[in-house]
């Protein structure tokens, strides 16, 4: 028997190591899923209840300064959630509209024959394209 005919040990066999790594990852994901499922079951046994949010007799006890609909600190919590949702929608819609208009203007500036406008929009696009999103 030649030295090259010896079987490869398991810790050096790439097929075995690939399958072993997949099994280890599967066990870890299963354990993580089990941990979160156990945590969820424990919290539900402790009395998870959303009734607090929808109790009309419980006041929010905080004020929201900029509202689309009238709101005061004596209103229920569900109305505060509604006010927050409406404020978020207002900010999102205005942001979408302004970003669309800015994008159209910059796109038209890139197509312009004017050297100054084309260069300014090129620099603007390059700066924002090369800036990481998380920054």
Protein backbone atom coordinates (compact mmCIF):
# COMPACT_ATOMS: atom_id res chain seq x y z
CA UNK A 1 0.00 0.00 0.00
CA UNK A 2 1.43 3.36 -1.06
CA UNK A 3 1.38 6.36 1.28
CA UNK A 4 -0.97 8.14 -1.13
CA UNK A 5 -3.50 5.28 -0.90
CA UNK A 6 -4.19 5.84 2.79
CA UNK A 7 -7.70 7.12 3.55
CA UNK A 8 -8.00 10.78 4.46
CA UNK A 9 -8.69 11.36 8.16
CA UNK A 10 -12.14 12.83 8.90
CA UNK A 11 -10.77 16.12 10.26
CA UNK A 12 -9.07 16.75 6.87
CA UNK A 13 -11.85 15.50 4.57
CA UNK A 14 -13.53 18.54 2.96
CA UNK A 15 -16.81 16.72 2.27
CA UNK A 16 -17.10 15.60 5.88
CA UNK A 17 -16.15 19.06 7.21
CA UNK A 18 -18.77 20.74 4.99
CA UNK A 19 -21.53 18.41 6.17
CA UNK A 20 -20.37 18.70 9.78
CA UNK A 21 -20.41 22.52 9.60
CA UNK A 22 -23.97 22.46 8.21
CA UNK A 23 -25.10 20.16 11.03
CA UNK A 24 -23.50 22.43 13.65
CA UNK A 25 -25.17 25.52 12.16
CA UNK A 26 -28.52 23.69 12.02
CA UNK A 27 -28.20 22.73 15.68
CA UNK A 28 -27.28 26.30 16.67
CA UNK A 29 -30.22 27.77 14.72
CA UNK A 30 -32.55 25.19 16.28
CA UNK A 31 -31.26 26.03 19.77
CA UNK A 32 -31.73 29.75 19.12
CA UNK A 33 -35.25 29.14 17.83
CA UNK A 34 -35.99 27.00 20.90
CA UNK A 35 -34.68 29.73 23.21
CA UNK A 36 -36.90 32.36 21.62
CA UNK A 37 -39.93 30.02 21.62
CA UNK A 38 -39.40 29.26 25.31
CA UNK A 39 -39.04 32.97 26.08
CA UNK A 40 -42.26 33.72 24.19
CA UNK A 41 -44.15 30.95 25.99
CA UNK A 42 -42.89 32.18 29.36
CA UNK A 43 -44.00 35.73 28.62
CA UNK A 44 -47.44 34.58 27.51
CA UNK A 45 -47.85 32.60 30.75
CA UNK A 46 -47.03 35.78 32.70
CA UNK A 47 -50.08 37.49 31.26
CA UNK A 48 -49.22 39.19 28.01
CA UNK A 49 -52.08 41.62 27.50
CA UNK A 50 -52.68 44.52 25.12
CA UNK A 51 -55.79 45.61 27.00
CA UNK A 52 -53.79 48.41 28.63
CA UNK A 53 -53.43 50.17 25.28
CA UNK A 54 -57.13 50.13 24.49
CA UNK A 55 -58.52 51.00 27.93
CA UNK A 56 -60.59 54.17 27.35
CA UNK A 57 -60.35 55.11 31.05
CA UNK A 58 -56.55 55.10 31.19
CA UNK A 59 -55.06 58.44 30.12
CA UNK A 60 -51.90 58.68 28.06
CA UNK A 61 -50.46 61.19 30.59
CA UNK A 62 -48.10 62.74 28.04
CA UNK A 63 -48.55 65.38 25.41
CA UNK A 64 -47.63 65.37 21.72
CA UNK A 65 -46.87 68.86 20.47
CA UNK A 66 -47.28 68.50 16.70
CA UNK A 67 -50.43 66.59 15.79
CA UNK A 68 -52.62 66.13 12.74
CA UNK A 69 -55.70 65.48 14.90
CA UNK A 70 -56.42 67.09 18.28
CA UNK A 71 -54.69 65.32 21.19
CA UNK A 72 -54.19 66.05 24.88
CA UNK A 73 -52.56 64.21 27.77
CA UNK A 74 -55.97 63.09 29.06
CA UNK A 75 -56.80 61.16 25.87
CA UNK A 76 -56.44 57.34 25.83
CA UNK A 77 -53.20 55.65 24.79
CA UNK A 78 -54.66 54.28 21.56
CA UNK A 79 -55.29 57.84 20.40
CA UNK A 80 -51.62 58.67 21.07
CA UNK A 81 -50.63 55.69 18.91
CA UNK A 82 -52.97 56.95 16.17
CA UNK A 83 -51.46 60.44 16.38
CA UNK A 84 -47.94 58.96 16.13
CA UNK A 85 -48.96 56.90 13.10
CA UNK A 86 -50.47 59.93 11.37
CA UNK A 87 -47.39 62.04 12.13
CA UNK A 88 -45.15 59.30 10.71
CA UNK A 89 -47.26 59.07 7.57
CA UNK A 90 -47.07 62.83 7.11
CA UNK A 91 -43.27 62.82 7.40
CA UNK A 92 -42.95 59.81 5.06
CA UNK A 93 -45.15 61.31 2.37
CA UNK A 94 -43.39 64.67 2.45
CA UNK A 95 -40.00 62.91 2.31
CA UNK A 96 -41.05 60.78 -0.66
CA UNK A 97 -42.34 63.82 -2.55
CA UNK A 98 -39.25 65.94 -1.84
CA UNK A 99 -36.84 63.09 -2.69
CA UNK A 100 -38.67 62.46 -5.97
CA UNK A 101 -38.51 66.14 -6.93
CA UNK A 102 -34.82 66.35 -6.01
CA UNK A 103 -34.07 63.19 -7.99
CA UNK A 104 -35.84 64.54 -11.06
CA UNK A 105 -33.98 67.85 -10.83
CA UNK A 106 -30.59 66.17 -10.40
CA UNK A 107 -31.34 63.76 -13.26
CA UNK A 108 -32.25 66.65 -15.53
CA UNK A 109 -29.12 68.49 -14.42
CA UNK A 110 -27.00 65.49 -15.41
CA UNK A 111 -28.53 65.60 -18.91
CA UNK A 112 -27.95 69.35 -19.26
CA UNK A 113 -25.63 70.82 -21.88
CA UNK A 114 -24.52 73.53 -19.43
CA UNK A 115 -21.05 72.62 -18.12
CA UNK A 116 -21.58 74.18 -14.66
CA UNK A 117 -24.95 72.49 -14.01
CA UNK A 118 -23.65 69.14 -15.28
CA UNK A 119 -20.54 69.37 -13.08
CA UNK A 120 -22.46 70.41 -9.94
CA UNK A 121 -24.92 67.54 -10.32
CA UNK A 122 -22.06 65.12 -11.09
CA UNK A 123 -20.29 66.13 -7.86
CA UNK A 124 -23.59 65.88 -5.94
CA UNK A 125 -24.28 62.38 -7.27
CA UNK A 126 -20.72 61.21 -6.65
CA UNK A 127 -20.75 62.48 -3.07
CA UNK A 128 -24.03 60.76 -2.19
CA UNK A 129 -23.25 57.61 -4.17
CA UNK A 130 -19.95 57.17 -2.35
CA UNK A 131 -21.31 57.95 1.11
CA UNK A 132 -22.21 54.83 3.10
CA UNK A 133 -25.91 54.55 3.88
CA UNK A 134 -25.35 54.08 7.61
CA UNK A 135 -23.39 57.31 7.88
